[in-house]
Amino acid sequence: MIAEHYIVNRYKKGLSKGLSEGRRDQHQQWLAWYERQQAAHREGRPFTEPPPAGPQGEKGR
């Protein structure tokens, strides 16, 4: 739980520190995906949605 808050807060801080619009959009996509993944985990639901595309349009690891 503490790690989750750390990760989410770190992403949110990154969004406000002058990132380019493209990077900001990518951070927002990852944060939204991560929050959906964590919600599914907490609720005991399967989560099969792939992570958002990376910087070169590749799917995440």
C-alpha atoms as a PDB file:
ATOM      1  CA  MET A   1       0.000   0.000   0.000  1.00  0.00           C
ATOM      2  CA  ILE A   2       2.805   2.424   0.854  1.00  0.00           C
ATOM      3  CA  ALA A   3       4.661   1.494  -2.331  1.00  0.00           C
ATOM      4  CA  GLU A   4       1.510   2.128  -4.376  1.00  0.00           C
ATOM      5  CA  HIS A   5       1.133   5.622  -2.915  1.00  0.00           C
ATOM      6  CA  TYR A   6       4.825   6.313  -3.545  1.00  0.00           C
ATOM      7  CA  ILE A   7       4.571   5.285  -7.203  1.00  0.00           C
ATOM      8  CA  VAL A   8       1.361   7.227  -7.824  1.00  0.00           C
ATOM      9  CA  ASN A   9       2.707  10.350  -6.103  1.00  0.00           C
ATOM     10  CA  ARG A  10       5.969  10.107  -8.030  1.00  0.00           C
ATOM     11  CA  TYR A  11       4.093   9.999 -11.337  1.00  0.00           C
ATOM     12  CA  LYS A  12       1.868  12.900 -10.334  1.00  0.00           C
ATOM     13  CA  LYS A  13       4.901  14.989  -9.331  1.00  0.00           C
ATOM     14  CA  GLY A  14       6.525  14.190 -12.664  1.00  0.00           C
ATOM     15  CA  LEU A  15       3.456  15.507 -14.452  1.00  0.00           C
ATOM     16  CA  SER A  16       3.794  18.904 -12.831  1.00  0.00           C
ATOM     17  CA  LYS A  17       7.562  19.356 -13.358  1.00  0.00           C
ATOM     18  CA  GLY A  18       7.601  20.748 -16.875  1.00  0.00           C
ATOM     19  CA  LEU A  19       7.522  17.552 -18.901  1.00  0.00           C
ATOM     20  CA  SER A  20       6.851  17.861 -22.589  1.00  0.00           C
ATOM     21  CA  GLU A  21       3.223  17.425 -23.559  1.00  0.00           C
ATOM     22  CA  GLY A  22       3.958  14.017 -25.101  1.00  0.00           C
ATOM     23  CA  ARG A  23       5.714  12.754 -21.974  1.00  0.00           C
ATOM     24  CA  ARG A  24       2.949  14.178 -19.792  1.00  0.00           C
ATOM     25  CA  ASP A  25       0.350  12.301 -21.868  1.00  0.00           C
ATOM     26  CA  GLN A  26       2.390   9.094 -21.627  1.00  0.00           C
ATOM     27  CA  HIS A  27       2.670   9.480 -17.823  1.00  0.00           C
ATOM     28  CA  GLN A  28      -1.085  10.006 -17.570  1.00  0.00           C
ATOM     29  CA  GLN A  29      -1.746   6.863 -19.624  1.00  0.00           C
ATOM     30  CA  TRP A  30       0.604   4.784 -17.449  1.00  0.00           C
ATOM     31  CA  LEU A  31      -0.848   6.195 -14.234  1.00  0.00           C
ATOM     32  CA  ALA A  32      -4.411   5.429 -15.335  1.00  0.00           C
ATOM     33  CA  TRP A  33      -3.380   1.897 -16.385  1.00  0.00           C
ATOM     34  CA  TYR A  34      -1.560   1.336 -13.089  1.00  0.00           C
ATOM     35  CA  GLU A  35      -4.545   2.526 -11.058  1.00  0.00           C
ATOM     36  CA  ARG A  36      -6.882   0.163 -12.992  1.00  0.00           C
ATOM     37  CA  GLN A  37      -4.445  -2.695 -12.461  1.00  0.00           C
ATOM     38  CA  GLN A  38      -4.190  -2.031  -8.705  1.00  0.00           C
ATOM     39  CA  ALA A  39      -7.973  -1.708  -8.342  1.00  0.00           C
ATOM     40  CA  ALA A  40      -8.439  -5.081 -10.054  1.00  0.00           C
ATOM     41  CA  HIS A  41      -5.792  -6.614  -7.790  1.00  0.00           C
ATOM     42  CA  ARG A  42      -7.437  -5.225  -4.637  1.00  0.00           C
ATOM     43  CA  GLU A  43     -10.839  -6.511  -5.756  1.00  0.00           C
ATOM     44  CA  GLY A  44      -9.496  -9.932  -6.720  1.00  0.00           C
ATOM     45  CA  ARG A  45     -10.426  -9.487 -10.388  1.00  0.00           C
ATOM     46  CA  PRO A  46      -8.239 -10.650 -13.261  1.00  0.00           C
ATOM     47  CA  PHE A  47      -6.482  -7.857 -15.130  1.00  0.00           C
ATOM     48  CA  THR A  48      -5.363  -8.690 -18.657  1.00  0.00           C
ATOM     49  CA  GLU A  49      -5.193  -5.221 -20.192  1.00  0.00           C
ATOM     50  CA  PRO A  50      -1.747  -4.684 -21.747  1.00  0.00           C
ATOM     51  CA  PRO A  51       0.267  -1.693 -20.556  1.00  0.00           C
ATOM     52  CA  PRO A  52       0.196   1.465 -22.677  1.00  0.00           C
ATOM     53  CA  ALA A  53       2.571   1.895 -25.594  1.00  0.00           C
ATOM     54  CA  GLY A  54       6.113   2.989 -24.810  1.00  0.00           C
ATOM     55  CA  PRO A  55       7.929   6.036 -26.177  1.00  0.00           C
ATOM     56  CA  GLN A  56       8.529   4.505 -29.622  1.00  0.00           C
ATOM     57  CA  GLY A  57       5.019   3.088 -29.921  1.00  0.00           C
ATOM     58  CA  GLU A  58       6.076  -0.309 -28.594  1.00  0.00           C
ATOM     59  CA  LYS A  59       3.980  -2.123 -26.040  1.00  0.00           C
ATOM     60  CA  GLY A  60       5.323  -2.093 -22.472  1.00  0.00           C
ATOM     61  CA  ARG A  61       7.193  -5.047 -21.036  1.00  0.00           C
END
